[in-house]
Amino acid sequence: MTTKKRQGSRMNPSERLGPADWLQAAQDELMLRGVPAVKVDRLARRLRVTRGSFYWHFKSRSDLLQRLLQSWIATNTAPFQQVLKSNKNGRAKFQAVIDLWVDEDQYNPQFDVAMREWARVSRKVARIVREADDARIEVLRQIFNEIGYVGASALVRARVAYFHQVGYYTLGIVESHETRRRLRPHYTRALLGEIPLSASSQSESQVDPLPDAALVEERRGPYEPNA
């Protein structure tokens, strides 16, 4: 018993901590203090290990930041895309997206807000965040298309639904889970609007379609990062 304890106490820190531990610590610092705080020394102190143990798992701070970006894409964008792969109908898929936002289980809004702050000082991150935004909007556009909206109508409704949720988190609105659940059906009705009877019943002329080029125009952010 004593021997096992001594052996455990002599274990190299890199054997006790894995890359996931460092990534979680980096994510916590990013959400709490921003990307300038994501430094090896600070993370080592948070994890109570030596700075050297970091290099058992990462080549450099840049390597850590790159993997943090990949982690964000995997955890905060992939769940939206998974919704499209289900066998549910359009309305059920829209409800599934709402669940992602309300439950905050698979999707972490604080991580998103932190990424947007990081994007203000990095062109690379700004591009990645914009691509993720476009991917999520495309998910919603396809869902609205399945529900019965077509062309520009589906795109605009997708943008309204998405921008509304991004604004909710950006403004720092704090509501209990119970309150959000209670308001959910009201938001759903407001965002879905008067659902067409069928896709065929809504012609392009009825929705004042935009030219194809306008549907895929590059969307610029509200800032121009310095680097």
Protein backbone atom coordinates (compact mmCIF):
# COMPACT_ATOMS: atom_id res chain seq x y z
CA MET A 1 0.00 0.00 0.00
CA THR A 2 2.76 2.38 1.03
CA THR A 3 4.83 1.39 -1.98
CA LYS A 4 1.98 2.19 -4.37
CA LYS A 5 1.51 5.62 -2.80
CA ARG A 6 5.19 6.41 -3.16
CA GLN A 7 5.22 5.24 -6.73
CA GLY A 8 2.18 7.39 -7.47
CA SER A 9 3.78 10.46 -5.91
CA ARG A 10 6.84 10.01 -8.14
CA MET A 11 4.83 9.79 -11.33
CA ASN A 12 5.77 12.32 -13.96
CA PRO A 13 3.08 15.05 -14.16
CA SER A 14 2.73 14.29 -17.87
CA GLU A 15 1.54 10.81 -16.92
CA ARG A 16 -1.18 12.18 -14.67
CA LEU A 17 -2.36 14.91 -17.04
CA GLY A 18 -3.31 14.42 -20.66
CA PRO A 19 -3.79 16.86 -23.57
CA ALA A 20 -7.49 17.13 -22.68
CA ASP A 21 -6.59 18.56 -19.25
CA TRP A 22 -4.41 21.26 -20.78
CA LEU A 23 -7.06 22.04 -23.41
CA GLN A 24 -9.73 22.37 -20.73
CA ALA A 25 -7.50 24.68 -18.72
CA ALA A 26 -6.82 26.74 -21.84
CA GLN A 27 -10.54 26.93 -22.61
CA ASP A 28 -11.29 28.05 -19.05
CA GLU A 29 -8.68 30.81 -19.25
CA LEU A 30 -9.93 31.88 -22.68
CA MET A 31 -13.51 32.18 -21.39
CA LEU A 32 -12.47 33.92 -18.17
CA ARG A 33 -9.70 36.29 -19.24
CA GLY A 34 -9.30 36.10 -23.00
CA VAL A 35 -6.58 34.74 -25.28
CA PRO A 36 -3.75 36.85 -23.75
CA ALA A 37 -4.20 34.79 -20.56
CA VAL A 38 -3.75 31.48 -22.37
CA LYS A 39 -0.07 31.15 -21.53
CA VAL A 40 1.94 28.10 -20.58
CA ASP A 41 3.07 29.48 -17.21
CA ARG A 42 -0.44 30.44 -16.16
CA LEU A 43 -1.88 27.09 -17.25
CA ALA A 44 0.86 25.22 -15.41
CA ARG A 45 0.04 27.12 -12.21
CA ARG A 46 -3.67 26.40 -12.68
CA LEU A 47 -2.94 22.69 -13.09
CA ARG A 48 -0.26 22.71 -10.36
CA VAL A 49 2.41 21.17 -12.53
CA THR A 50 5.71 22.34 -13.95
CA ARG A 51 5.96 24.29 -17.17
CA GLY A 52 8.05 21.49 -18.67
CA SER A 53 5.20 18.99 -18.43
CA PHE A 54 3.30 21.05 -21.01
CA TYR A 55 5.78 20.03 -23.71
CA TRP A 56 5.00 16.36 -23.27
CA HIS A 57 1.72 17.07 -25.07
CA PHE A 58 2.21 20.22 -27.17
CA LYS A 59 5.03 21.56 -29.32
CA SER A 60 4.35 25.18 -28.41
CA ARG A 61 1.71 27.67 -27.31
CA SER A 62 0.76 28.05 -30.97
CA ASP A 63 0.16 24.31 -31.15
CA LEU A 64 -2.11 24.55 -28.10
CA LEU A 65 -4.08 27.45 -29.59
CA GLN A 66 -4.52 25.58 -32.87
CA ARG A 67 -5.88 22.54 -31.05
CA LEU A 68 -8.12 24.82 -28.98
CA LEU A 69 -9.58 26.13 -32.24
CA GLN A 70 -10.14 22.57 -33.45
CA SER A 71 -11.80 21.69 -30.15
CA TRP A 72 -14.20 24.62 -30.51
CA ILE A 73 -15.17 23.56 -34.03
CA ALA A 74 -15.73 19.97 -32.90
CA THR A 75 -17.79 20.83 -29.83
CA ASN A 76 -19.65 23.98 -30.85
CA THR A 77 -20.35 23.54 -34.57
CA ALA A 78 -20.47 19.79 -35.21
CA PRO A 79 -23.62 19.30 -33.04
CA PHE A 80 -25.58 21.63 -35.35
CA GLN A 81 -24.49 19.68 -38.41
CA GLN A 82 -25.44 16.41 -36.74
CA VAL A 83 -29.04 17.65 -36.54
CA LEU A 84 -29.28 17.56 -40.35
CA LYS A 85 -28.28 13.89 -40.42
CA SER A 86 -31.27 12.82 -38.34
CA ASN A 87 -34.43 11.32 -39.83
CA LYS A 88 -36.61 13.97 -38.20
CA ASN A 89 -38.82 16.32 -40.19
CA GLY A 90 -37.99 20.01 -40.59
CA ARG A 91 -39.92 21.22 -37.56
CA ALA A 92 -38.38 18.55 -35.33
CA LYS A 93 -34.91 19.48 -36.56
CA PHE A 94 -35.57 23.13 -35.74
CA GLN A 95 -36.66 22.10 -32.24
CA ALA A 96 -33.43 20.09 -31.94
CA VAL A 97 -31.40 23.22 -32.73
CA ILE A 98 -33.39 25.15 -30.13
CA ASP A 99 -32.59 22.38 -27.64
CA LEU A 100 -28.87 22.83 -28.33
CA TRP A 101 -29.17 26.51 -27.47
CA VAL A 102 -31.43 26.13 -24.46
CA ASP A 103 -29.88 23.06 -22.84
CA GLU A 104 -26.27 24.26 -23.32
CA ASP A 105 -25.11 20.68 -22.98
CA GLN A 106 -23.40 19.89 -26.29
CA TYR A 107 -23.06 23.59 -27.10
CA ASN A 108 -21.13 26.03 -24.86
CA PRO A 109 -22.21 29.66 -25.45
CA GLN A 110 -19.44 31.09 -23.25
CA PHE A 111 -16.89 29.34 -25.46
CA ASP A 112 -18.51 30.99 -28.48
CA VAL A 113 -18.40 34.46 -26.90
CA ALA A 114 -14.73 33.97 -26.00
CA MET A 115 -13.94 32.91 -29.56
CA ARG A 116 -15.59 36.04 -30.93
CA GLU A 117 -13.46 38.18 -28.61
CA TRP A 118 -10.37 36.33 -29.82
CA ALA A 119 -11.47 36.94 -33.41
CA ARG A 120 -11.22 40.69 -32.79
CA VAL A 121 -7.43 40.46 -32.63
CA SER A 122 -6.74 37.61 -35.06
CA ARG A 123 -7.59 37.49 -38.75
CA LYS A 124 -7.15 33.72 -38.77
CA VAL A 125 -9.60 33.21 -35.91
CA ALA A 126 -12.00 35.76 -37.41
CA ARG A 127 -12.05 33.72 -40.63
CA ILE A 128 -12.65 30.47 -38.74
CA VAL A 129 -15.45 32.00 -36.66
CA ARG A 130 -17.06 33.43 -39.80
CA GLU A 131 -16.87 30.02 -41.49
CA ALA A 132 -18.49 28.42 -38.43
CA ASP A 133 -21.25 31.05 -38.44
CA ASP A 134 -21.89 30.43 -42.13
CA ALA A 135 -21.98 26.66 -41.55
CA ARG A 136 -24.56 27.01 -38.77
CA ILE A 137 -26.66 29.40 -40.84
CA GLU A 138 -26.55 26.89 -43.69
CA VAL A 139 -27.87 24.22 -41.32
CA LEU A 140 -30.78 26.48 -40.42
CA ARG A 141 -31.36 27.43 -44.06
CA GLN A 142 -31.69 23.77 -45.00
CA ILE A 143 -34.05 23.20 -42.09
CA PHE A 144 -36.27 26.11 -43.12
CA ASN A 145 -36.17 24.75 -46.65
CA GLU A 146 -37.42 21.38 -45.38
CA ILE A 147 -40.17 23.15 -43.48
CA GLY A 148 -41.36 24.78 -46.69
CA TYR A 149 -39.56 28.10 -47.12
CA VAL A 150 -37.53 28.54 -50.29
CA GLY A 151 -34.86 30.80 -51.73
CA ALA A 152 -34.21 34.08 -49.98
CA SER A 153 -37.06 33.45 -47.54
CA ALA A 154 -35.29 30.38 -46.09
CA LEU A 155 -31.96 32.20 -45.94
CA VAL A 156 -33.32 35.31 -44.22
CA ARG A 157 -35.24 33.29 -41.64
CA ALA A 158 -32.07 31.28 -40.96
CA ARG A 159 -30.12 34.48 -40.43
CA VAL A 160 -32.77 36.02 -38.19
CA ALA A 161 -32.91 32.88 -36.02
CA TYR A 162 -29.13 32.67 -35.77
CA PHE A 163 -28.39 36.37 -35.27
CA HIS A 164 -31.09 36.49 -32.59
CA GLN A 165 -29.35 33.75 -30.61
CA VAL A 166 -25.84 35.21 -31.07
CA GLY A 167 -27.19 38.54 -29.83
CA TYR A 168 -28.75 36.86 -26.81
CA TYR A 169 -25.35 35.63 -25.65
CA THR A 170 -23.40 38.72 -26.73
CA LEU A 171 -25.69 40.94 -24.64
CA GLY A 172 -25.02 38.71 -21.64
CA ILE A 173 -28.70 38.04 -20.92
CA VAL A 174 -29.06 35.83 -17.86
CA GLU A 175 -32.20 33.73 -17.45
CA SER A 176 -32.91 30.55 -15.55
CA HIS A 177 -33.22 27.30 -17.46
CA GLU A 178 -36.85 27.15 -16.36
CA THR A 179 -37.57 30.59 -17.82
CA ARG A 180 -35.91 29.74 -21.11
CA ARG A 181 -37.91 26.53 -21.36
CA ARG A 182 -41.14 28.41 -20.64
CA LEU A 183 -40.40 31.02 -23.33
CA ARG A 184 -39.20 28.48 -25.86
CA PRO A 185 -42.56 27.87 -27.64
CA HIS A 186 -43.09 31.63 -28.01
CA TYR A 187 -39.66 32.11 -29.58
CA THR A 188 -40.29 29.09 -31.80
CA ARG A 189 -43.55 30.53 -33.13
CA ALA A 190 -41.95 33.92 -33.70
CA LEU A 191 -38.97 32.45 -35.56
CA LEU A 192 -40.92 29.95 -37.66
CA GLY A 193 -43.63 32.40 -38.63
CA GLU A 194 -46.59 31.24 -40.71
CA ILE A 195 -45.31 27.98 -42.11
CA PRO A 196 -46.12 27.37 -45.80
CA LEU A 197 -48.41 24.44 -46.55
CA SER A 198 -45.73 22.98 -48.78
CA ALA A 199 -42.57 23.97 -50.55
CA SER A 200 -44.37 23.86 -53.87
CA SER A 201 -47.00 26.31 -52.64
CA GLN A 202 -44.37 29.02 -52.27
CA SER A 203 -42.92 30.08 -55.58
CA GLU A 204 -39.76 32.11 -55.94
CA SER A 205 -41.84 35.06 -57.13
CA GLN A 206 -43.78 35.04 -53.85
CA VAL A 207 -40.67 35.43 -51.72
CA ASP A 208 -38.94 38.12 -53.79
CA PRO A 209 -35.83 36.02 -54.41
CA LEU A 210 -32.35 37.51 -54.37
CA PRO A 211 -29.84 36.84 -57.16
CA ASP A 212 -27.70 33.77 -56.50
CA ALA A 213 -24.67 35.99 -56.00
CA ALA A 214 -26.42 37.82 -53.18
CA LEU A 215 -27.19 34.55 -51.42
CA VAL A 216 -23.54 33.61 -51.21
CA GLU A 217 -21.94 37.04 -50.81
CA GLU A 218 -19.09 37.25 -48.35
CA ARG A 219 -20.29 38.36 -44.93
CA ARG A 220 -17.89 40.67 -43.19
CA GLY A 221 -17.65 40.99 -39.44
CA PRO A 222 -18.16 44.22 -37.50
CA TYR A 223 -14.41 44.61 -37.07
CA GLU A 224 -11.15 44.25 -38.91
CA PRO A 225 -8.59 42.35 -36.79
CA ASN A 226 -5.07 43.72 -36.75
CA ALA A 227 -3.31 40.39 -37.22
